[in-house]
N, C-alpha and C. Protein backbone atom coordinates (compact mmCIF):
# COMPACT_ATOMS: atom_id res chain seq x y z
N MET A 1 13.31 3.70 -7.15
CA MET A 1 12.57 4.81 -6.59
C MET A 1 13.09 5.06 -5.18
N ALA A 2 13.31 6.30 -4.84
CA ALA A 2 13.82 6.66 -3.52
C ALA A 2 12.77 6.42 -2.43
N GLN A 3 13.24 5.98 -1.27
CA GLN A 3 12.32 5.65 -0.17
C GLN A 3 11.49 6.86 0.25
N HIS A 4 12.13 8.03 0.32
CA HIS A 4 11.39 9.20 0.79
C HIS A 4 10.28 9.58 -0.18
N VAL A 5 10.47 9.32 -1.47
CA VAL A 5 9.42 9.60 -2.46
C VAL A 5 8.26 8.63 -2.26
N LEU A 6 8.57 7.35 -2.05
CA LEU A 6 7.51 6.37 -1.82
C LEU A 6 6.72 6.69 -0.56
N ARG A 7 7.39 7.11 0.51
CA ARG A 7 6.69 7.47 1.75
C ARG A 7 5.78 8.68 1.51
N TYR A 8 6.27 9.66 0.76
CA TYR A 8 5.48 10.84 0.44
C TYR A 8 4.24 10.44 -0.35
N TRP A 9 4.43 9.60 -1.35
CA TRP A 9 3.30 9.16 -2.17
C TRP A 9 2.30 8.35 -1.35
N GLU A 10 2.78 7.55 -0.40
CA GLU A 10 1.87 6.79 0.46
C GLU A 10 0.96 7.73 1.24
N GLY A 11 1.49 8.89 1.62
CA GLY A 11 0.69 9.87 2.35
C GLY A 11 -0.27 10.63 1.45
N ARG A 12 0.08 10.79 0.20
CA ARG A 12 -0.74 11.57 -0.73
C ARG A 12 -1.75 10.74 -1.51
N PHE A 13 -1.47 9.47 -1.71
CA PHE A 13 -2.34 8.62 -2.52
C PHE A 13 -2.85 7.47 -1.66
N PRO A 14 -4.10 7.56 -1.19
CA PRO A 14 -4.63 6.50 -0.32
C PRO A 14 -4.74 5.14 -1.01
N GLN A 15 -4.69 5.13 -2.34
CA GLN A 15 -4.77 3.86 -3.07
C GLN A 15 -3.49 3.05 -2.89
N LEU A 16 -2.39 3.71 -2.54
CA LEU A 16 -1.09 3.05 -2.38
C LEU A 16 -0.96 2.57 -0.94
N LYS A 17 -1.16 1.27 -0.73
CA LYS A 17 -1.14 0.71 0.62
C LYS A 17 -0.26 -0.53 0.65
N PRO A 18 1.05 -0.37 0.84
CA PRO A 18 1.89 -1.56 0.92
C PRO A 18 1.61 -2.32 2.23
N VAL A 19 1.89 -3.61 2.20
CA VAL A 19 1.74 -4.43 3.39
C VAL A 19 2.89 -4.07 4.33
N THR A 20 2.55 -3.82 5.59
CA THR A 20 3.58 -3.49 6.59
C THR A 20 3.79 -4.69 7.49
N ARG A 21 5.04 -5.07 7.63
CA ARG A 21 5.40 -6.21 8.47
C ARG A 21 6.13 -5.72 9.72
N ALA A 22 6.63 -6.65 10.49
CA ALA A 22 7.35 -6.33 11.72
C ALA A 22 8.49 -5.35 11.43
N GLY A 23 8.68 -4.43 12.33
CA GLY A 23 9.75 -3.45 12.15
C GLY A 23 9.42 -2.40 11.12
N ASN A 24 8.14 -2.25 10.79
CA ASN A 24 7.68 -1.27 9.80
C ASN A 24 8.27 -1.48 8.41
N ARG A 25 8.64 -2.72 8.10
CA ARG A 25 9.12 -3.02 6.75
C ARG A 25 7.93 -3.07 5.81
N ARG A 26 8.08 -2.46 4.67
CA ARG A 26 6.99 -2.41 3.70
C ARG A 26 7.25 -3.40 2.57
N TYR A 27 6.20 -4.09 2.19
CA TYR A 27 6.25 -5.01 1.06
C TYR A 27 5.24 -4.54 0.03
N TYR A 28 5.73 -4.30 -1.16
CA TYR A 28 4.88 -3.80 -2.24
C TYR A 28 4.42 -4.96 -3.10
N ARG A 29 3.11 -5.13 -3.19
CA ARG A 29 2.52 -6.16 -4.03
C ARG A 29 2.58 -5.73 -5.49
N PRO A 30 2.35 -6.65 -6.43
CA PRO A 30 2.40 -6.28 -7.84
C PRO A 30 1.46 -5.13 -8.20
N GLU A 31 0.26 -5.09 -7.59
CA GLU A 31 -0.65 -3.99 -7.90
C GLU A 31 -0.15 -2.66 -7.34
N ASP A 32 0.60 -2.71 -6.21
CA ASP A 32 1.22 -1.50 -5.69
C ASP A 32 2.30 -1.00 -6.64
N LEU A 33 3.09 -1.93 -7.17
CA LEU A 33 4.16 -1.55 -8.10
C LEU A 33 3.59 -0.96 -9.38
N ALA A 34 2.49 -1.52 -9.86
CA ALA A 34 1.85 -0.97 -11.06
C ALA A 34 1.36 0.45 -10.79
N LEU A 35 0.79 0.68 -9.61
CA LEU A 35 0.32 2.03 -9.25
C LEU A 35 1.49 2.99 -9.12
N ILE A 36 2.59 2.54 -8.54
CA ILE A 36 3.78 3.39 -8.41
C ILE A 36 4.29 3.79 -9.79
N ARG A 37 4.35 2.84 -10.70
CA ARG A 37 4.80 3.15 -12.07
C ARG A 37 3.85 4.14 -12.74
N ARG A 38 2.57 3.95 -12.51
CA ARG A 38 1.58 4.86 -13.12
C ARG A 38 1.70 6.27 -12.56
N ILE A 39 1.83 6.38 -11.24
CA ILE A 39 1.99 7.70 -10.62
C ILE A 39 3.25 8.37 -11.14
N ASP A 40 4.34 7.61 -11.21
CA ASP A 40 5.60 8.15 -11.73
C ASP A 40 5.42 8.64 -13.16
N GLN A 41 4.76 7.85 -13.98
CA GLN A 41 4.51 8.22 -15.38
C GLN A 41 3.73 9.53 -15.46
N LEU A 42 2.66 9.62 -14.69
CA LEU A 42 1.81 10.80 -14.74
C LEU A 42 2.52 12.04 -14.22
N LEU A 43 3.25 11.90 -13.12
CA LEU A 43 3.92 13.06 -12.52
C LEU A 43 5.16 13.49 -13.29
N ASN A 44 6.02 12.54 -13.58
CA ASN A 44 7.34 12.89 -14.09
C ASN A 44 7.48 12.88 -15.61
N ARG A 45 6.55 12.25 -16.29
CA ARG A 45 6.66 12.21 -17.75
C ARG A 45 5.54 12.95 -18.45
N GLN A 46 4.33 12.94 -17.84
CA GLN A 46 3.20 13.59 -18.49
C GLN A 46 2.90 14.96 -17.90
N GLY A 47 3.58 15.34 -16.84
CA GLY A 47 3.46 16.69 -16.31
C GLY A 47 2.26 16.96 -15.42
N TYR A 48 1.60 15.92 -14.92
CA TYR A 48 0.50 16.12 -13.99
C TYR A 48 1.04 16.67 -12.67
N THR A 49 0.18 17.39 -11.94
CA THR A 49 0.51 17.79 -10.57
C THR A 49 0.07 16.67 -9.64
N VAL A 50 0.51 16.71 -8.39
CA VAL A 50 0.09 15.71 -7.42
C VAL A 50 -1.44 15.75 -7.30
N ARG A 51 -2.00 16.94 -7.20
CA ARG A 51 -3.46 17.07 -7.09
C ARG A 51 -4.15 16.52 -8.34
N GLY A 52 -3.58 16.75 -9.49
CA GLY A 52 -4.16 16.23 -10.72
C GLY A 52 -4.19 14.71 -10.75
N VAL A 53 -3.12 14.09 -10.29
CA VAL A 53 -3.06 12.63 -10.23
C VAL A 53 -4.06 12.12 -9.19
N GLN A 54 -4.16 12.81 -8.05
CA GLN A 54 -5.13 12.42 -7.04
C GLN A 54 -6.55 12.43 -7.61
N GLN A 55 -6.88 13.50 -8.32
CA GLN A 55 -8.22 13.61 -8.90
C GLN A 55 -8.45 12.52 -9.95
N LEU A 56 -7.46 12.25 -10.76
CA LEU A 56 -7.58 11.22 -11.78
C LEU A 56 -7.82 9.85 -11.15
N LEU A 57 -7.04 9.51 -10.14
CA LEU A 57 -7.18 8.22 -9.48
C LEU A 57 -8.52 8.11 -8.75
N GLU A 58 -8.95 9.21 -8.12
CA GLU A 58 -10.25 9.21 -7.44
C GLU A 58 -11.39 9.00 -8.43
N SER A 59 -11.33 9.70 -9.56
CA SER A 59 -12.41 9.56 -10.54
C SER A 59 -12.43 8.16 -11.14
N GLU A 60 -11.26 7.57 -11.32
CA GLU A 60 -11.20 6.20 -11.84
C GLU A 60 -11.77 5.21 -10.83
N SER A 61 -11.48 5.41 -9.55
CA SER A 61 -11.98 4.47 -8.55
C SER A 61 -13.49 4.59 -8.39
N ARG A 62 -14.03 5.79 -8.56
CA ARG A 62 -15.49 5.97 -8.50
C ARG A 62 -16.17 5.31 -9.68
N GLY A 63 -15.51 5.29 -10.82
CA GLY A 63 -16.13 4.77 -12.03
C GLY A 63 -15.88 3.30 -12.28
N LYS A 64 -15.31 2.58 -11.32
CA LYS A 64 -15.00 1.17 -11.54
C LYS A 64 -16.24 0.33 -11.84
N ASN A 65 -17.37 0.69 -11.26
CA ASN A 65 -18.58 -0.09 -11.48
C ASN A 65 -19.43 0.46 -12.61
N ASP A 66 -18.99 1.54 -13.22
CA ASP A 66 -19.74 2.17 -14.30
C ASP A 66 -19.05 1.84 -15.62
N PRO A 67 -19.66 1.01 -16.46
CA PRO A 67 -19.02 0.61 -17.72
C PRO A 67 -18.67 1.80 -18.61
N ALA A 68 -19.52 2.80 -18.66
CA ALA A 68 -19.23 3.97 -19.50
C ALA A 68 -18.00 4.70 -18.99
N ALA A 69 -17.88 4.81 -17.67
CA ALA A 69 -16.71 5.48 -17.09
C ALA A 69 -15.44 4.67 -17.36
N MET A 70 -15.58 3.35 -17.32
CA MET A 70 -14.42 2.51 -17.60
C MET A 70 -13.97 2.69 -19.05
N LEU A 71 -14.92 2.75 -19.96
CA LEU A 71 -14.57 2.95 -21.37
C LEU A 71 -13.94 4.32 -21.59
N ARG A 72 -14.46 5.34 -20.90
CA ARG A 72 -13.85 6.68 -21.02
C ARG A 72 -12.42 6.67 -20.49
N ALA A 73 -12.19 5.98 -19.38
CA ALA A 73 -10.84 5.90 -18.81
C ALA A 73 -9.90 5.17 -19.77
N ILE A 74 -10.37 4.11 -20.40
CA ILE A 74 -9.55 3.39 -21.37
C ILE A 74 -9.26 4.28 -22.57
N ARG A 75 -10.30 4.97 -23.07
CA ARG A 75 -10.12 5.88 -24.21
C ARG A 75 -9.09 6.97 -23.88
N ASP A 76 -9.21 7.56 -22.68
CA ASP A 76 -8.29 8.62 -22.28
C ASP A 76 -6.87 8.08 -22.14
N SER A 77 -6.75 6.89 -21.60
CA SER A 77 -5.43 6.28 -21.45
C SER A 77 -4.79 6.01 -22.81
N LEU A 78 -5.58 5.51 -23.74
CA LEU A 78 -5.06 5.27 -25.09
C LEU A 78 -4.68 6.57 -25.78
N ALA A 79 -5.49 7.61 -25.59
CA ALA A 79 -5.18 8.91 -26.19
C ALA A 79 -3.88 9.46 -25.62
N GLU A 80 -3.68 9.32 -24.31
CA GLU A 80 -2.44 9.77 -23.69
C GLU A 80 -1.25 9.00 -24.24
N GLY A 81 -1.42 7.69 -24.39
CA GLY A 81 -0.34 6.85 -24.93
C GLY A 81 0.01 7.23 -26.35
N LEU A 82 -1.00 7.49 -27.17
CA LEU A 82 -0.74 7.90 -28.55
C LEU A 82 -0.06 9.25 -28.61
N ALA A 83 -0.49 10.17 -27.77
CA ALA A 83 0.14 11.50 -27.73
C ALA A 83 1.60 11.37 -27.29
N TRP A 84 1.84 10.53 -26.29
CA TRP A 84 3.21 10.33 -25.83
C TRP A 84 4.05 9.72 -26.94
N ASP A 85 3.49 8.75 -27.66
CA ASP A 85 4.19 8.09 -28.76
C ASP A 85 4.52 9.08 -29.86
N ASP A 86 3.58 9.98 -30.18
CA ASP A 86 3.82 11.00 -31.20
C ASP A 86 4.95 11.93 -30.80
N ARG A 87 5.00 12.29 -29.52
CA ARG A 87 6.07 13.18 -29.03
C ARG A 87 7.42 12.45 -29.06
N ALA A 88 7.41 11.15 -28.78
CA ALA A 88 8.66 10.38 -28.76
C ALA A 88 9.24 10.23 -30.16
N GLU A 89 8.38 10.21 -31.19
CA GLU A 89 8.86 10.04 -32.56
C GLU A 89 9.51 11.31 -33.11
N ARG A 90 9.19 12.42 -32.52
CA ARG A 90 9.73 13.70 -33.03
C ARG A 90 11.14 13.92 -32.62
């Protein structure tokens, strides 16, 4: 992933917070890398807009303590995966 894209995403997605060390070096933890992969998937493969991904991530973070919201997020994620799989088979 290009550095300028990661810096842009850091400004657009408050959930993406790499650890900053001396000299402004950034270290991405495993959860940061998982979020980067997810953002990339949503933007570049599933056709979401930046605002759409922001809204999706915000709604997921609000629903973390709500079991019904968590189940809906899992269901939606599975549906997206199945749809992507169907498109890949064609």
